[in-house]
Amino acid sequence: MPRLLNYIVAIYLNVIGIIGLIAPSRRAAMIEKRKAYQENLEAQLEDWNAHIILCVAKAEKGQG
């Protein structure tokens, strides 16, 4: 029975070690996705701001 427990612990530690090696690369990929998403949102916000400025200019032109 102790030998079986040793194998189970060894397998568990190997799995945890492999996950530890894989996790940093997944984290880097997630960071890159987040940066791309943030850049996309910032570009969309700039477009909306330009549209708002255009609408305000048209409204002021219509009133005057």
PDB file of N, CA and C in Angstrom:
ATOM      1  N   MET A   1       0.817  -1.207   0.000  1.00  0.00           N
ATOM      2  CA  MET A   1       0.000   0.000   0.000  1.00  0.00           C
ATOM      3  C   MET A   1       0.858   1.268   0.000  1.00  0.00           C
ATOM      4  N   PRO A   2       1.928   1.368   0.780  1.00  0.00           N
ATOM      5  CA  PRO A   2       2.747   2.582   0.745  1.00  0.00           C
ATOM      6  C   PRO A   2       3.352   2.829  -0.650  1.00  0.00           C
ATOM      7  N   ARG A   3       3.678   1.749  -1.380  1.00  0.00           N
ATOM      8  CA  ARG A   3       4.256   1.915  -2.718  1.00  0.00           C
ATOM      9  C   ARG A   3       3.224   2.551  -3.661  1.00  0.00           C
ATOM     10  N   LEU A   4       1.967   2.129  -3.554  1.00  0.00           N
ATOM     11  CA  LEU A   4       0.902   2.711  -4.369  1.00  0.00           C
ATOM     12  C   LEU A   4       0.733   4.194  -4.046  1.00  0.00           C
ATOM     13  N   LEU A   5       0.800   4.523  -2.770  1.00  0.00           N
ATOM     14  CA  LEU A   5       0.693   5.919  -2.355  1.00  0.00           C
ATOM     15  C   LEU A   5       1.849   6.739  -2.925  1.00  0.00           C
ATOM     16  N   ASN A   6       3.039   6.175  -2.955  1.00  0.00           N
ATOM     17  CA  ASN A   6       4.194   6.861  -3.541  1.00  0.00           C
ATOM     18  C   ASN A   6       3.954   7.152  -5.024  1.00  0.00           C
ATOM     19  N   TYR A   7       3.396   6.187  -5.748  1.00  0.00           N
ATOM     20  CA  TYR A   7       3.117   6.391  -7.166  1.00  0.00           C
ATOM     21  C   TYR A   7       2.060   7.482  -7.362  1.00  0.00           C
ATOM     22  N   ILE A   8       1.048   7.453  -6.536  1.00  0.00           N
ATOM     23  CA  ILE A   8      -0.010   8.455  -6.643  1.00  0.00           C
ATOM     24  C   ILE A   8       0.548   9.854  -6.385  1.00  0.00           C
ATOM     25  N   VAL A   9       1.361   9.980  -5.358  1.00  0.00           N
ATOM     26  CA  VAL A   9       1.966  11.280  -5.034  1.00  0.00           C
ATOM     27  C   VAL A   9       2.898  11.717  -6.158  1.00  0.00           C
ATOM     28  N   ALA A  10       3.676  10.803  -6.711  1.00  0.00           N
ATOM     29  CA  ALA A  10       4.595  11.140  -7.798  1.00  0.00           C
ATOM     30  C   ALA A  10       3.821  11.607  -9.032  1.00  0.00           C
ATOM     31  N   ILE A  11       2.761  10.924  -9.363  1.00  0.00           N
ATOM     32  CA  ILE A  11       1.937  11.328 -10.516  1.00  0.00           C
ATOM     33  C   ILE A  11       1.321  12.703 -10.263  1.00  0.00           C
ATOM     34  N   TYR A  12       0.798  12.892  -9.069  1.00  0.00           N
ATOM     35  CA  TYR A  12       0.202  14.182  -8.720  1.00  0.00           C
ATOM     36  C   TYR A  12       1.222  15.307  -8.855  1.00  0.00           C
ATOM     37  N   LEU A  13       2.417  15.121  -8.322  1.00  0.00           N
ATOM     38  CA  LEU A  13       3.442  16.158  -8.393  1.00  0.00           C
ATOM     39  C   LEU A  13       3.870  16.435  -9.830  1.00  0.00           C
ATOM     40  N   ASN A  14       3.942  15.393 -10.651  1.00  0.00           N
ATOM     41  CA  ASN A  14       4.283  15.584 -12.060  1.00  0.00           C
ATOM     42  C   ASN A  14       3.206  16.387 -12.787  1.00  0.00           C
ATOM     43  N   VAL A  15       1.959  16.057 -12.509  1.00  0.00           N
ATOM     44  CA  VAL A  15       0.859  16.781 -13.149  1.00  0.00           C
ATOM     45  C   VAL A  15       0.882  18.252 -12.720  1.00  0.00           C
ATOM     46  N   ILE A  16       1.058  18.510 -11.454  1.00  0.00           N
ATOM     47  CA  ILE A  16       1.118  19.881 -10.955  1.00  0.00           C
ATOM     48  C   ILE A  16       2.317  20.610 -11.580  1.00  0.00           C
ATOM     49  N   GLY A  17       3.430  19.947 -11.729  1.00  0.00           N
ATOM     50  CA  GLY A  17       4.606  20.557 -12.355  1.00  0.00           C
ATOM     51  C   GLY A  17       4.362  20.907 -13.813  1.00  0.00           C
ATOM     52  N   ILE A  18       3.724  20.019 -14.538  1.00  0.00           N
ATOM     53  CA  ILE A  18       3.420  20.278 -15.954  1.00  0.00           C
ATOM     54  C   ILE A  18       2.447  21.444 -16.074  1.00  0.00           C
ATOM     55  N   ILE A  19       1.439  21.467 -15.216  1.00  0.00           N
ATOM     56  CA  ILE A  19       0.491  22.583 -15.231  1.00  0.00           C
ATOM     57  C   ILE A  19       1.214  23.884 -14.914  1.00  0.00           C
ATOM     58  N   GLY A  20       2.148  23.845 -14.005  1.00  0.00           N
ATOM     59  CA  GLY A  20       2.927  25.029 -13.663  1.00  0.00           C
ATOM     60  C   GLY A  20       3.762  25.526 -14.833  1.00  0.00           C
ATOM     61  N   LEU A  21       4.229  24.613 -15.675  1.00  0.00           N
ATOM     62  CA  LEU A  21       5.005  25.010 -16.844  1.00  0.00           C
ATOM     63  C   LEU A  21       4.108  25.578 -17.940  1.00  0.00           C
ATOM     64  N   ILE A  22       2.897  25.060 -18.053  1.00  0.00           N
ATOM     65  CA  ILE A  22       1.971  25.494 -19.094  1.00  0.00           C
ATOM     66  C   ILE A  22       1.311  26.816 -18.713  1.00  0.00           C
ATOM     67  N   ALA A  23       1.026  27.019 -17.448  1.00  0.00           N
ATOM     68  CA  ALA A  23       0.261  28.181 -16.997  1.00  0.00           C
ATOM     69  C   ALA A  23       0.887  29.523 -17.391  1.00  0.00           C
ATOM     70  N   PRO A  24       2.192  29.733 -17.266  1.00  0.00           N
ATOM     71  CA  PRO A  24       2.738  31.043 -17.655  1.00  0.00           C
ATOM     72  C   PRO A  24       2.501  31.372 -19.119  1.00  0.00           C
ATOM     73  N   SER A  25       2.576  30.393 -19.998  1.00  0.00           N
ATOM     74  CA  SER A  25       2.342  30.674 -21.415  1.00  0.00           C
ATOM     75  C   SER A  25       0.877  30.999 -21.658  1.00  0.00           C
ATOM     76  N   ARG A  26      -0.011  30.356 -20.945  1.00  0.00           N
ATOM     77  CA  ARG A  26      -1.441  30.677 -21.068  1.00  0.00           C
ATOM     78  C   ARG A  26      -1.700  32.076 -20.547  1.00  0.00           C
ATOM     79  N   ARG A  27      -1.002  32.429 -19.470  1.00  0.00           N
ATOM     80  CA  ARG A  27      -1.187  33.765 -18.898  1.00  0.00           C
ATOM     81  C   ARG A  27      -0.725  34.829 -19.878  1.00  0.00           C
ATOM     82  N   ALA A  28       0.401  34.600 -20.534  1.00  0.00           N
ATOM     83  CA  ALA A  28       0.900  35.551 -21.516  1.00  0.00           C
ATOM     84  C   ALA A  28      -0.080  35.701 -22.674  1.00  0.00           C
ATOM     85  N   ALA A  29      -0.664  34.601 -23.103  1.00  0.00           N
ATOM     86  CA  ALA A  29      -1.646  34.652 -24.185  1.00  0.00           C
ATOM     87  C   ALA A  29      -2.883  35.436 -23.740  1.00  0.00           C
ATOM     88  N   MET A  30      -3.301  35.254 -22.505  1.00  0.00           N
ATOM     89  CA  MET A  30      -4.458  35.974 -21.993  1.00  0.00           C
ATOM     90  C   MET A  30      -4.162  37.475 -21.909  1.00  0.00           C
ATOM     91  N   ILE A  31      -2.944  37.820 -21.517  1.00  0.00           N
ATOM     92  CA  ILE A  31      -2.554  39.227 -21.438  1.00  0.00           C
ATOM     93  C   ILE A  31      -2.573  39.853 -22.824  1.00  0.00           C
ATOM     94  N   GLU A  32      -2.079  39.126 -23.825  1.00  0.00           N
ATOM     95  CA  GLU A  32      -2.085  39.633 -25.202  1.00  0.00           C
ATOM     96  C   GLU A  32      -3.514  39.832 -25.707  1.00  0.00           C
ATOM     97  N   LYS A  33      -4.398  38.881 -25.400  1.00  0.00           N
ATOM     98  CA  LYS A  33      -5.798  39.015 -25.808  1.00  0.00           C
ATOM     99  C   LYS A  33      -6.431  40.227 -25.140  1.00  0.00           C
ATOM    100  N   ARG A  34      -6.106  40.431 -23.878  1.00  0.00           N
ATOM    101  CA  ARG A  34      -6.666  41.567 -23.150  1.00  0.00           C
ATOM    102  C   ARG A  34      -6.178  42.882 -23.749  1.00  0.00           C
ATOM    103  N   LYS A  35      -4.896  42.956 -24.108  1.00  0.00           N
ATOM    104  CA  LYS A  35      -4.362  44.172 -24.723  1.00  0.00           C
ATOM    105  C   LYS A  35      -5.040  44.448 -26.062  1.00  0.00           C
ATOM    106  N   ALA A  36      -5.226  43.415 -26.865  1.00  0.00           N
ATOM    107  CA  ALA A  36      -5.883  43.581 -28.159  1.00  0.00           C
ATOM    108  C   ALA A  36      -7.326  44.046 -27.969  1.00  0.00           C
ATOM    109  N   TYR A  37      -8.013  43.468 -27.002  1.00  0.00           N
ATOM    110  CA  TYR A  37      -9.397  43.855 -26.714  1.00  0.00           C
ATOM    111  C   TYR A  37      -9.459  45.310 -26.257  1.00  0.00           C
ATOM    112  N   GLN A  38      -8.526  45.695 -25.392  1.00  0.00           N
ATOM    113  CA  GLN A  38      -8.488  47.063 -24.890  1.00  0.00           C
ATOM    114  C   GLN A  38      -8.201  48.052 -26.024  1.00  0.00           C
ATOM    115  N   GLU A  39      -7.271  47.710 -26.912  1.00  0.00           N
ATOM    116  CA  GLU A  39      -6.964  48.584 -28.047  1.00  0.00           C
ATOM    117  C   GLU A  39      -8.178  48.728 -28.969  1.00  0.00           C
ATOM    118  N   ASN A  40      -8.898  47.632 -29.157  1.00  0.00           N
ATOM    119  CA  ASN A  40     -10.110  47.672 -29.975  1.00  0.00           C
ATOM    120  C   ASN A  40     -11.157  48.586 -29.344  1.00  0.00           C
ATOM    121  N   LEU A  41     -11.341  48.487 -28.047  1.00  0.00           N
ATOM    122  CA  LEU A  41     -12.308  49.337 -27.362  1.00  0.00           C
ATOM    123  C   LEU A  41     -11.901  50.806 -27.422  1.00  0.00           C
ATOM    124  N   GLU A  42     -10.606  51.082 -27.280  1.00  0.00           N
ATOM    125  CA  GLU A  42     -10.133  52.456 -27.347  1.00  0.00           C
ATOM    126  C   GLU A  42     -10.369  53.041 -28.745  1.00  0.00           C
ATOM    127  N   ALA A  43     -10.147  52.255 -29.785  1.00  0.00           N
ATOM    128  CA  ALA A  43     -10.395  52.719 -31.149  1.00  0.00           C
ATOM    129  C   ALA A  43     -11.882  52.986 -31.361  1.00  0.00           C
ATOM    130  N   GLN A  44     -12.713  52.102 -30.829  1.00  0.00           N
ATOM    131  CA  GLN A  44     -14.155  52.293 -30.950  1.00  0.00           C
ATOM    132  C   GLN A  44     -14.592  53.553 -30.204  1.00  0.00           C
ATOM    133  N   LEU A  45     -14.006  53.796 -29.041  1.00  0.00           N
ATOM    134  CA  LEU A  45     -14.330  54.992 -28.268  1.00  0.00           C
ATOM    135  C   LEU A  45     -13.934  56.257 -29.022  1.00  0.00           C
ATOM    136  N   GLU A  46     -12.787  56.243 -29.682  1.00  0.00           N
ATOM    137  CA  GLU A  46     -12.359  57.383 -30.491  1.00  0.00           C
ATOM    138  C   GLU A  46     -13.345  57.628 -31.638  1.00  0.00           C
ATOM    139  N   ASP A  47     -13.809  56.568 -32.275  1.00  0.00           N
ATOM    140  CA  ASP A  47     -14.804  56.702 -33.344  1.00  0.00           C
ATOM    141  C   ASP A  47     -16.095  57.324 -32.817  1.00  0.00           C
ATOM    142  N   TRP A  48     -16.543  56.866 -31.665  1.00  0.00           N
ATOM    143  CA  TRP A  48     -17.766  57.398 -31.076  1.00  0.00           C
ATOM    144  C   TRP A  48     -17.592  58.876 -30.721  1.00  0.00           C
ATOM    145  N   ASN A  49     -16.427  59.230 -30.178  1.00  0.00           N
ATOM    146  CA  ASN A  49     -16.173  60.626 -29.839  1.00  0.00           C
ATOM    147  C   ASN A  49     -16.205  61.504 -31.084  1.00  0.00           C
ATOM    148  N   ALA A  50     -15.614  61.026 -32.171  1.00  0.00           N
ATOM    149  CA  ALA A  50     -15.635  61.775 -33.426  1.00  0.00           C
ATOM    150  C   ALA A  50     -17.068  61.928 -33.926  1.00  0.00           C
ATOM    151  N   HIS A  51     -17.850  60.890 -33.812  1.00  0.00           N
ATOM    152  CA  HIS A  51     -19.249  60.937 -34.236  1.00  0.00           C
ATOM    153  C   HIS A  51     -20.041  61.933 -33.385  1.00  0.00           C
ATOM    154  N   ILE A  52     -19.790  61.948 -32.108  1.00  0.00           N
ATOM    155  CA  ILE A  52     -20.469  62.889 -31.207  1.00  0.00           C
ATOM    156  C   ILE A  52     -20.111  64.325 -31.583  1.00  0.00           C
ATOM    157  N   ILE A  53     -18.834  64.581 -31.835  1.00  0.00           N
ATOM    158  CA  ILE A  53     -18.395  65.924 -32.223  1.00  0.00           C
ATOM    159  C   ILE A  53     -19.081  66.344 -33.521  1.00  0.00           C
ATOM    160  N   LEU A  54     -19.180  65.426 -34.463  1.00  0.00           N
ATOM    161  CA  LEU A  54     -19.850  65.711 -35.727  1.00  0.00           C
ATOM    162  C   LEU A  54     -21.327  66.014 -35.512  1.00  0.00           C
ATOM    163  N   CYS A  55     -21.979  65.247 -34.681  1.00  0.00           N
ATOM    164  CA  CYS A  55     -23.401  65.474 -34.396  1.00  0.00           C
ATOM    165  C   CYS A  55     -23.613  66.815 -33.699  1.00  0.00           C
ATOM    166  N   VAL A  56     -22.749  67.163 -32.775  1.00  0.00           N
ATOM    167  CA  VAL A  56     -22.855  68.443 -32.081  1.00  0.00           C
ATOM    168  C   VAL A  56     -22.664  69.585 -33.072  1.00  0.00           C
ATOM    169  N   ALA A  57     -21.703  69.462 -33.968  1.00  0.00           N
ATOM    170  CA  ALA A  57     -21.464  70.503 -34.980  1.00  0.00           C
ATOM    171  C   ALA A  57     -22.675  70.651 -35.893  1.00  0.00           C
ATOM    172  N   LYS A  58     -23.263  69.551 -36.302  1.00  0.00           N
ATOM    173  CA  LYS A  58     -24.461  69.618 -37.145  1.00  0.00           C
ATOM    174  C   LYS A  58     -25.619  70.273 -36.396  1.00  0.00           C
ATOM    175  N   ALA A  59     -25.772  69.952 -35.119  1.00  0.00           N
ATOM    176  CA  ALA A  59     -26.854  70.530 -34.313  1.00  0.00           C
ATOM    177  C   ALA A  59     -26.657  72.019 -34.158  1.00  0.00           C
ATOM    178  N   GLU A  60     -25.432  72.457 -33.915  1.00  0.00           N
ATOM    179  CA  GLU A  60     -25.155  73.880 -33.765  1.00  0.00           C
ATOM    180  C   GLU A  60     -25.382  74.607 -35.095  1.00  0.00           C
ATOM    181  N   LYS A  61     -25.029  73.975 -36.191  1.00  0.00           N
ATOM    182  CA  LYS A  61     -25.215  74.567 -37.504  1.00  0.00           C
ATOM    183  C   LYS A  61     -26.711  74.704 -37.814  1.00  0.00           C
ATOM    184  N   GLY A  62     -27.487  73.743 -37.408  1.00  0.00           N
ATOM    185  CA  GLY A  62     -28.928  73.765 -37.632  1.00  0.00           C
ATOM    186  C   GLY A  62     -29.625  74.829 -36.813  1.00  0.00           C
ATOM    187  N   GLN A  63     -29.122  75.130 -35.649  1.00  0.00           N
ATOM    188  CA  GLN A  63     -29.735  76.121 -34.764  1.00  0.00           C
ATOM    189  C   GLN A  63     -29.391  77.542 -35.220  1.00  0.00           C
ATOM    190  N   GLY A  64     -28.215  77.693 -35.817  1.00  0.00           N
ATOM    191  CA  GLY A  64     -27.733  79.043 -36.149  1.00  0.00           C
ATOM    192  C   GLY A  64     -28.198  79.506 -37.428  1.00  0.00           C
TER     193      GLY A  64
END
